Amino acid sequence: MARVVVDVMLKPEILDPQGKAVHGALPRLGFDGVTDVRQGKRFELELEGEISEERLAELRKAAETLLSNPVIEDYTVRVEQQ
């Protein structure tokens, strides 16, 4: 069994109101020195069998068409060792 992780983040030029809210709350909670916060999504996909390049390409397509909005989000796909 293999695990593939897809991380999805807003593109840098897109305003992130949730990240800004967290950034504003951190000092009030005593966490100083944080200069910026961006919020994203993480998907973990458990797969049967081995990960081939073809299978990884299919997962990248799923990340582009289902797990992210490529107009405003970037994504990365990586295989996580278990």
PDB file of N, CA and C in Angstrom:
ATOM      1  N   MET A   1       0.847  -1.180   0.000  1.00  0.00           N
ATOM      2  CA  MET A   1       0.000   0.000   0.000  1.00  0.00           C
ATOM      3  C   MET A   1       0.890   1.239   0.000  1.00  0.00           C
ATOM      4  N   ALA A   2       0.452   2.263  -0.709  1.00  0.00           N
ATOM      5  CA  ALA A   2       1.211   3.502  -0.818  1.00  0.00           C
ATOM      6  C   ALA A   2       0.324   4.677  -0.449  1.00  0.00           C
ATOM      7  N   ARG A   3       0.953   5.760  -0.041  1.00  0.00           N
ATOM      8  CA  ARG A   3       0.223   6.986   0.282  1.00  0.00           C
ATOM      9  C   ARG A   3       0.760   8.109  -0.597  1.00  0.00           C
ATOM     10  N   VAL A   4      -0.176   8.814  -1.214  1.00  0.00           N
ATOM     11  CA  VAL A   4       0.157   9.994  -2.001  1.00  0.00           C
ATOM     12  C   VAL A   4      -0.485  11.189  -1.308  1.00  0.00           C
ATOM     13  N   VAL A   5       0.300  12.246  -1.145  1.00  0.00           N
ATOM     14  CA  VAL A   5      -0.185  13.460  -0.487  1.00  0.00           C
ATOM     15  C   VAL A   5      -0.290  14.568  -1.523  1.00  0.00           C
ATOM     16  N   VAL A   6      -1.440  15.225  -1.537  1.00  0.00           N
ATOM     17  CA  VAL A   6      -1.668  16.375  -2.405  1.00  0.00           C
ATOM     18  C   VAL A   6      -1.864  17.589  -1.500  1.00  0.00           C
ATOM     19  N   ASP A   7      -0.971  18.563  -1.619  1.00  0.00           N
ATOM     20  CA  ASP A   7      -1.090  19.822  -0.884  1.00  0.00           C
ATOM     21  C   ASP A   7      -1.589  20.886  -1.845  1.00  0.00           C
ATOM     22  N   VAL A   8      -2.620  21.610  -1.427  1.00  0.00           N
ATOM     23  CA  VAL A   8      -3.232  22.644  -2.259  1.00  0.00           C
ATOM     24  C   VAL A   8      -3.143  23.972  -1.501  1.00  0.00           C
ATOM     25  N   MET A   9      -2.601  24.982  -2.173  1.00  0.00           N
ATOM     26  CA  MET A   9      -2.468  26.311  -1.574  1.00  0.00           C
ATOM     27  C   MET A   9      -2.967  27.364  -2.557  1.00  0.00           C
ATOM     28  N   LEU A  10      -3.519  28.443  -1.992  1.00  0.00           N
ATOM     29  CA  LEU A  10      -3.867  29.572  -2.846  1.00  0.00           C
ATOM     30  C   LEU A  10      -2.607  30.110  -3.502  1.00  0.00           C
ATOM     31  N   LYS A  11      -2.735  30.559  -4.729  1.00  0.00           N
ATOM     32  CA  LYS A  11      -1.600  31.174  -5.411  1.00  0.00           C
ATOM     33  C   LYS A  11      -1.179  32.419  -4.627  1.00  0.00           C
ATOM     34  N   PRO A  12       0.107  32.766  -4.674  1.00  0.00           N
ATOM     35  CA  PRO A  12       0.599  33.893  -3.863  1.00  0.00           C
ATOM     36  C   PRO A  12      -0.140  35.211  -4.103  1.00  0.00           C
ATOM     37  N   GLU A  13      -0.614  35.429  -5.312  1.00  0.00           N
ATOM     38  CA  GLU A  13      -1.278  36.697  -5.617  1.00  0.00           C
ATOM     39  C   GLU A  13      -2.750  36.742  -5.182  1.00  0.00           C
ATOM     40  N   ILE A  14      -3.272  35.631  -4.695  1.00  0.00           N
ATOM     41  CA  ILE A  14      -4.670  35.563  -4.259  1.00  0.00           C
ATOM     42  C   ILE A  14      -4.752  35.890  -2.772  1.00  0.00           C
ATOM     43  N   LEU A  15      -5.655  36.801  -2.405  1.00  0.00           N
ATOM     44  CA  LEU A  15      -5.861  37.175  -1.016  1.00  0.00           C
ATOM     45  C   LEU A  15      -6.323  35.959  -0.216  1.00  0.00           C
ATOM     46  N   ASP A  16      -5.770  35.793   0.986  1.00  0.00           N
ATOM     47  CA  ASP A  16      -6.098  34.662   1.860  1.00  0.00           C
ATOM     48  C   ASP A  16      -6.683  35.203   3.166  1.00  0.00           C
ATOM     49  N   PRO A  17      -8.003  35.462   3.223  1.00  0.00           N
ATOM     50  CA  PRO A  17      -8.579  36.049   4.435  1.00  0.00           C
ATOM     51  C   PRO A  17      -8.466  35.145   5.667  1.00  0.00           C
ATOM     52  N   GLN A  18      -8.550  33.835   5.487  1.00  0.00           N
ATOM     53  CA  GLN A  18      -8.408  32.945   6.637  1.00  0.00           C
ATOM     54  C   GLN A  18      -6.982  32.980   7.171  1.00  0.00           C
ATOM     55  N   GLY A  19      -6.007  32.995   6.284  1.00  0.00           N
ATOM     56  CA  GLY A  19      -4.620  33.111   6.719  1.00  0.00           C
ATOM     57  C   GLY A  19      -4.370  34.426   7.433  1.00  0.00           C
ATOM     58  N   LYS A  20      -4.956  35.516   6.937  1.00  0.00           N
ATOM     59  CA  LYS A  20      -4.804  36.824   7.587  1.00  0.00           C
ATOM     60  C   LYS A  20      -5.437  36.815   8.976  1.00  0.00           C
ATOM     61  N   ALA A  21      -6.598  36.161   9.122  1.00  0.00           N
ATOM     62  CA  ALA A  21      -7.251  36.086  10.432  1.00  0.00           C
ATOM     63  C   ALA A  21      -6.383  35.317  11.426  1.00  0.00           C
ATOM     64  N   VAL A  22      -5.812  34.208  10.990  1.00  0.00           N
ATOM     65  CA  VAL A  22      -4.922  33.435  11.866  1.00  0.00           C
ATOM     66  C   VAL A  22      -3.693  34.261  12.213  1.00  0.00           C
ATOM     67  N   HIS A  23      -3.136  34.950  11.215  1.00  0.00           N
ATOM     68  CA  HIS A  23      -1.959  35.787  11.445  1.00  0.00           C
ATOM     69  C   HIS A  23      -2.250  36.866  12.489  1.00  0.00           C
ATOM     70  N   GLY A  24      -3.432  37.458  12.423  1.00  0.00           N
ATOM     71  CA  GLY A  24      -3.805  38.483  13.396  1.00  0.00           C
ATOM     72  C   GLY A  24      -4.030  37.923  14.796  1.00  0.00           C
ATOM     73  N   ALA A  25      -4.486  36.686  14.889  1.00  0.00           N
ATOM     74  CA  ALA A  25      -4.772  36.081  16.194  1.00  0.00           C
ATOM     75  C   ALA A  25      -3.522  35.586  16.908  1.00  0.00           C
ATOM     76  N   LEU A  26      -2.511  35.206  16.178  1.00  0.00           N
ATOM     77  CA  LEU A  26      -1.319  34.625  16.798  1.00  0.00           C
ATOM     78  C   LEU A  26      -0.686  35.524  17.866  1.00  0.00           C
ATOM     79  N   PRO A  27      -0.416  36.803  17.587  1.00  0.00           N
ATOM     80  CA  PRO A  27       0.183  37.645  18.636  1.00  0.00           C
ATOM     81  C   PRO A  27      -0.714  37.802  19.858  1.00  0.00           C
ATOM     82  N   ARG A  28      -2.024  37.854  19.640  1.00  0.00           N
ATOM     83  CA  ARG A  28      -2.948  37.974  20.774  1.00  0.00           C
ATOM     84  C   ARG A  28      -2.896  36.746  21.671  1.00  0.00           C
ATOM     85  N   LEU A  29      -2.485  35.613  21.092  1.00  0.00           N
ATOM     86  CA  LEU A  29      -2.377  34.372  21.859  1.00  0.00           C
ATOM     87  C   LEU A  29      -0.957  34.128  22.365  1.00  0.00           C
ATOM     88  N   GLY A  30      -0.071  35.094  22.146  1.00  0.00           N
ATOM     89  CA  GLY A  30       1.279  34.978  22.661  1.00  0.00           C
ATOM     90  C   GLY A  30       2.285  34.354  21.712  1.00  0.00           C
ATOM     91  N   PHE A  31       1.925  34.184  20.445  1.00  0.00           N
ATOM     92  CA  PHE A  31       2.839  33.610  19.452  1.00  0.00           C
ATOM     93  C   PHE A  31       3.391  34.746  18.592  1.00  0.00           C
ATOM     94  N   ASP A  32       4.572  35.214  18.933  1.00  0.00           N
ATOM     95  CA  ASP A  32       5.162  36.358  18.239  1.00  0.00           C
ATOM     96  C   ASP A  32       6.169  35.892  17.189  1.00  0.00           C
ATOM     97  N   GLY A  33       6.482  36.798  16.273  1.00  0.00           N
ATOM     98  CA  GLY A  33       7.522  36.543  15.284  1.00  0.00           C
ATOM     99  C   GLY A  33       7.043  35.894  14.004  1.00  0.00           C
ATOM    100  N   VAL A  34       5.752  35.617  13.871  1.00  0.00           N
ATOM    101  CA  VAL A  34       5.229  35.033  12.628  1.00  0.00           C
ATOM    102  C   VAL A  34       4.958  36.178  11.661  1.00  0.00           C
ATOM    103  N   THR A  35       5.577  36.138  10.494  1.00  0.00           N
ATOM    104  CA  THR A  35       5.454  37.247   9.548  1.00  0.00           C
ATOM    105  C   THR A  35       4.321  37.083   8.542  1.00  0.00           C
ATOM    106  N   ASP A  36       3.849  35.866   8.316  1.00  0.00           N
ATOM    107  CA  ASP A  36       2.742  35.649   7.378  1.00  0.00           C
ATOM    108  C   ASP A  36       2.167  34.260   7.600  1.00  0.00           C
ATOM    109  N   VAL A  37       0.896  34.099   7.260  1.00  0.00           N
ATOM    110  CA  VAL A  37       0.222  32.796   7.339  1.00  0.00           C
ATOM    111  C   VAL A  37      -0.586  32.616   6.065  1.00  0.00           C
ATOM    112  N   ARG A  38      -0.462  31.463   5.448  1.00  0.00           N
ATOM    113  CA  ARG A  38      -1.284  31.070   4.303  1.00  0.00           C
ATOM    114  C   ARG A  38      -1.939  29.745   4.669  1.00  0.00           C
ATOM    115  N   GLN A  39      -3.216  29.640   4.435  1.00  0.00           N
ATOM    116  CA  GLN A  39      -3.939  28.412   4.738  1.00  0.00           C
ATOM    117  C   GLN A  39      -4.131  27.603   3.475  1.00  0.00           C
ATOM    118  N   GLY A  40      -4.063  26.278   3.613  1.00  0.00           N
ATOM    119  CA  GLY A  40      -4.258  25.410   2.466  1.00  0.00           C
ATOM    120  C   GLY A  40      -5.019  24.152   2.837  1.00  0.00           C
ATOM    121  N   LYS A  41      -4.986  23.194   1.920  1.00  0.00           N
ATOM    122  CA  LYS A  41      -5.659  21.903   2.112  1.00  0.00           C
ATOM    123  C   LYS A  41      -4.650  20.795   1.877  1.00  0.00           C
ATOM    124  N   ARG A  42      -4.847  19.686   2.568  1.00  0.00           N
ATOM    125  CA  ARG A  42      -3.998  18.503   2.391  1.00  0.00           C
ATOM    126  C   ARG A  42      -4.916  17.301   2.191  1.00  0.00           C
ATOM    127  N   PHE A  43      -4.622  16.544   1.148  1.00  0.00           N
ATOM    128  CA  PHE A  43      -5.359  15.317   0.857  1.00  0.00           C
ATOM    129  C   PHE A  43      -4.380  14.155   0.937  1.00  0.00           C
ATOM    130  N   GLU A  44      -4.748  13.090   1.628  1.00  0.00           N
ATOM    131  CA  GLU A  44      -3.947  11.868   1.684  1.00  0.00           C
ATOM    132  C   GLU A  44      -4.723  10.761   0.985  1.00  0.00           C
ATOM    133  N   LEU A  45      -4.121  10.197  -0.051  1.00  0.00           N
ATOM    134  CA  LEU A  45      -4.768   9.141  -0.819  1.00  0.00           C
ATOM    135  C   LEU A  45      -4.017   7.837  -0.575  1.00  0.00           C
ATOM    136  N   GLU A  46      -4.702   6.852  -0.046  1.00  0.00           N
ATOM    137  CA  GLU A  46      -4.131   5.523   0.167  1.00  0.00           C
ATOM    138  C   GLU A  46      -4.405   4.686  -1.081  1.00  0.00           C
ATOM    139  N   LEU A  47      -3.352   4.095  -1.632  1.00  0.00           N
ATOM    140  CA  LEU A  47      -3.476   3.343  -2.879  1.00  0.00           C
ATOM    141  C   LEU A  47      -3.000   1.915  -2.695  1.00  0.00           C
ATOM    142  N   GLU A  48      -3.637   1.006  -3.395  1.00  0.00           N
ATOM    143  CA  GLU A  48      -3.187  -0.384  -3.430  1.00  0.00           C
ATOM    144  C   GLU A  48      -2.037  -0.508  -4.420  1.00  0.00           C
ATOM    145  N   GLY A  49      -1.107  -1.361  -4.131  1.00  0.00           N
ATOM    146  CA  GLY A  49      -0.031  -1.654  -5.073  1.00  0.00           C
ATOM    147  C   GLY A  49       1.027  -0.572  -5.122  1.00  0.00           C
ATOM    148  N   GLU A  50       1.845  -0.667  -6.154  1.00  0.00           N
ATOM    149  CA  GLU A  50       2.967   0.240  -6.339  1.00  0.00           C
ATOM    150  C   GLU A  50       2.537   1.493  -7.102  1.00  0.00           C
ATOM    151  N   ILE A  51       3.326   2.540  -6.945  1.00  0.00           N
ATOM    152  CA  ILE A  51       3.074   3.796  -7.649  1.00  0.00           C
ATOM    153  C   ILE A  51       3.955   3.855  -8.889  1.00  0.00           C
ATOM    154  N   SER A  52       3.335   3.819 -10.049  1.00  0.00           N
ATOM    155  CA  SER A  52       4.068   3.953 -11.310  1.00  0.00           C
ATOM    156  C   SER A  52       3.964   5.409 -11.773  1.00  0.00           C
ATOM    157  N   GLU A  53       4.752   5.778 -12.757  1.00  0.00           N
ATOM    158  CA  GLU A  53       4.677   7.129 -13.314  1.00  0.00           C
ATOM    159  C   GLU A  53       3.302   7.388 -13.934  1.00  0.00           C
ATOM    160  N   GLU A  54       2.714   6.357 -14.553  1.00  0.00           N
ATOM    161  CA  GLU A  54       1.385   6.508 -15.149  1.00  0.00           C
ATOM    162  C   GLU A  54       0.333   6.771 -14.069  1.00  0.00           C
ATOM    163  N   ARG A  55       0.451   6.041 -12.976  1.00  0.00           N
ATOM    164  CA  ARG A  55      -0.502   6.212 -11.879  1.00  0.00           C
ATOM    165  C   ARG A  55      -0.334   7.586 -11.230  1.00  0.00           C
ATOM    166  N   LEU A  56       0.891   8.027 -11.081  1.00  0.00           N
ATOM    167  CA  LEU A  56       1.156   9.341 -10.521  1.00  0.00           C
ATOM    168  C   LEU A  56       0.609  10.439 -11.441  1.00  0.00           C
ATOM    169  N   ALA A  57       0.708  10.233 -12.744  1.00  0.00           N
ATOM    170  CA  ALA A  57       0.151  11.196 -13.705  1.00  0.00           C
ATOM    171  C   ALA A  57      -1.373  11.278 -13.564  1.00  0.00           C
ATOM    172  N   GLU A  58      -2.025  10.142 -13.331  1.00  0.00           N
ATOM    173  CA  GLU A  58      -3.475  10.134 -13.105  1.00  0.00           C
ATOM    174  C   GLU A  58      -3.835  10.914 -11.850  1.00  0.00           C
ATOM    175  N   LEU A  59      -3.033  10.748 -10.810  1.00  0.00           N
ATOM    176  CA  LEU A  59      -3.294  11.459  -9.560  1.00  0.00           C
ATOM    177  C   LEU A  59      -3.061  12.959  -9.719  1.00  0.00           C
ATOM    178  N   ARG A  60      -2.092  13.340 -10.518  1.00  0.00           N
ATOM    179  CA  ARG A  60      -1.881  14.765 -10.799  1.00  0.00           C
ATOM    180  C   ARG A  60      -3.096  15.342 -11.534  1.00  0.00           C
ATOM    181  N   LYS A  61      -3.649  14.561 -12.439  1.00  0.00           N
ATOM    182  CA  LYS A  61      -4.852  14.997 -13.162  1.00  0.00           C
ATOM    183  C   LYS A  61      -6.025  15.147 -12.188  1.00  0.00           C
ATOM    184  N   ALA A  62      -6.168  14.223 -11.248  1.00  0.00           N
ATOM    185  CA  ALA A  62      -7.217  14.329 -10.238  1.00  0.00           C
ATOM    186  C   ALA A  62      -7.012  15.572  -9.377  1.00  0.00           C
ATOM    187  N   ALA A  63      -5.761  15.864  -9.039  1.00  0.00           N
ATOM    188  CA  ALA A  63      -5.462  17.053  -8.243  1.00  0.00           C
ATOM    189  C   ALA A  63      -5.846  18.315  -9.008  1.00  0.00           C
ATOM    190  N   GLU A  64      -5.607  18.321 -10.300  1.00  0.00           N
ATOM    191  CA  GLU A  64      -5.909  19.493 -11.120  1.00  0.00           C
ATOM    192  C   GLU A  64      -7.400  19.673 -11.355  1.00  0.00           C
ATOM    193  N   THR A  65      -8.135  18.566 -11.524  1.00  0.00           N
ATOM    194  CA  THR A  65      -9.543  18.673 -11.911  1.00  0.00           C
ATOM    195  C   THR A  65     -10.527  18.572 -10.747  1.00  0.00           C
ATOM    196  N   LEU A  66     -10.145  17.931  -9.656  1.00  0.00           N
ATOM    197  CA  LEU A  66     -11.087  17.715  -8.556  1.00  0.00           C
ATOM    198  C   LEU A  66     -10.623  18.341  -7.245  1.00  0.00           C
ATOM    199  N   LEU A  67      -9.364  18.167  -6.893  1.00  0.00           N
ATOM    200  CA  LEU A  67      -8.887  18.563  -5.569  1.00  0.00           C
ATOM    201  C   LEU A  67      -8.486  20.027  -5.482  1.00  0.00           C
ATOM    202  N   SER A  68      -8.271  20.675  -6.611  1.00  0.00           N
ATOM    203  CA  SER A  68      -7.872  22.082  -6.595  1.00  0.00           C
ATOM    204  C   SER A  68      -8.635  22.856  -7.654  1.00  0.00           C
ATOM    205  N   ASN A  69      -8.581  24.166  -7.518  1.00  0.00           N
ATOM    206  CA  ASN A  69      -9.095  25.071  -8.536  1.00  0.00           C
ATOM    207  C   ASN A  69      -7.872  25.743  -9.156  1.00  0.00           C
ATOM    208  N   PRO A  70      -7.402  25.267 -10.308  1.00  0.00           N
ATOM    209  CA  PRO A  70      -6.145  25.762 -10.867  1.00  0.00           C
ATOM    210  C   PRO A  70      -6.151  27.245 -11.229  1.00  0.00           C
ATOM    211  N   VAL A  71      -7.301  27.880 -11.255  1.00  0.00           N
ATOM    212  CA  VAL A  71      -7.351  29.317 -11.524  1.00  0.00           C
ATOM    213  C   VAL A  71      -6.774  30.091 -10.334  1.00  0.00           C
ATOM    214  N   ILE A  72      -7.057  29.633  -9.105  1.00  0.00           N
ATOM    215  CA  ILE A  72      -6.619  30.377  -7.921  1.00  0.00           C
ATOM    216  C   ILE A  72      -5.713  29.575  -6.993  1.00  0.00           C
ATOM    217  N   GLU A  73      -5.504  28.279  -7.276  1.00  0.00           N
ATOM    218  CA  GLU A  73      -4.715  27.435  -6.381  1.00  0.00           C
ATOM    219  C   GLU A  73      -3.592  26.716  -7.123  1.00  0.00           C
ATOM    220  N   ASP A  74      -2.501  26.497  -6.408  1.00  0.00           N
ATOM    221  CA  ASP A  74      -1.409  25.640  -6.857  1.00  0.00           C
ATOM    222  C   ASP A  74      -1.484  24.345  -6.056  1.00  0.00           C
ATOM    223  N   TYR A  75      -0.924  23.276  -6.605  1.00  0.00           N
ATOM    224  CA  TYR A  75      -0.913  22.006  -5.880  1.00  0.00           C
ATOM    225  C   TYR A  75       0.410  21.295  -6.106  1.00  0.00           C
ATOM    226  N   THR A  76       0.746  20.441  -5.138  1.00  0.00           N
ATOM    227  CA  THR A  76       1.889  19.555  -5.276  1.00  0.00           C
ATOM    228  C   THR A  76       1.420  18.141  -4.963  1.00  0.00           C
ATOM    229  N   VAL A  77       1.992  17.184  -5.662  1.00  0.00           N
ATOM    230  CA  VAL A  77       1.675  15.772  -5.462  1.00  0.00           C
ATOM    231  C   VAL A  77       2.979  15.064  -5.112  1.00  0.00           C
ATOM    232  N   ARG A  78       2.971  14.322  -4.011  1.00  0.00           N
ATOM    233  CA  ARG A  78       4.190  13.598  -3.624  1.00  0.00           C
ATOM    234  C   ARG A  78       3.822  12.265  -3.006  1.00  0.00           C
ATOM    235  N   VAL A  79       4.720  11.324  -3.172  1.00  0.00           N
ATOM    236  CA  VAL A  79       4.556   9.993  -2.581  1.00  0.00           C
ATOM    237  C   VAL A  79       5.191  10.043  -1.206  1.00  0.00           C
ATOM    238  N   GLU A  80       4.441   9.606  -0.198  1.00  0.00           N
ATOM    239  CA  GLU A  80       4.934   9.603   1.176  1.00  0.00           C
ATOM    240  C   GLU A  80       5.352   8.195   1.544  1.00  0.00           C
ATOM    241  N   GLN A  81       6.531   8.071   2.111  1.00  0.00           N
ATOM    242  CA  GLN A  81       7.038   6.758   2.535  1.00  0.00           C
ATOM    243  C   GLN A  81       6.277   6.294   3.761  1.00  0.00           C
ATOM    244  N   GLN A  82       5.986   5.000   3.797  1.00  0.00           N
ATOM    245  CA  GLN A  82       5.289   4.432   4.959  1.00  0.00           C
ATOM    246  C   GLN A  82       6.169   3.452   5.674  1.00  0.00           C
TER     247      GLN A  82
END
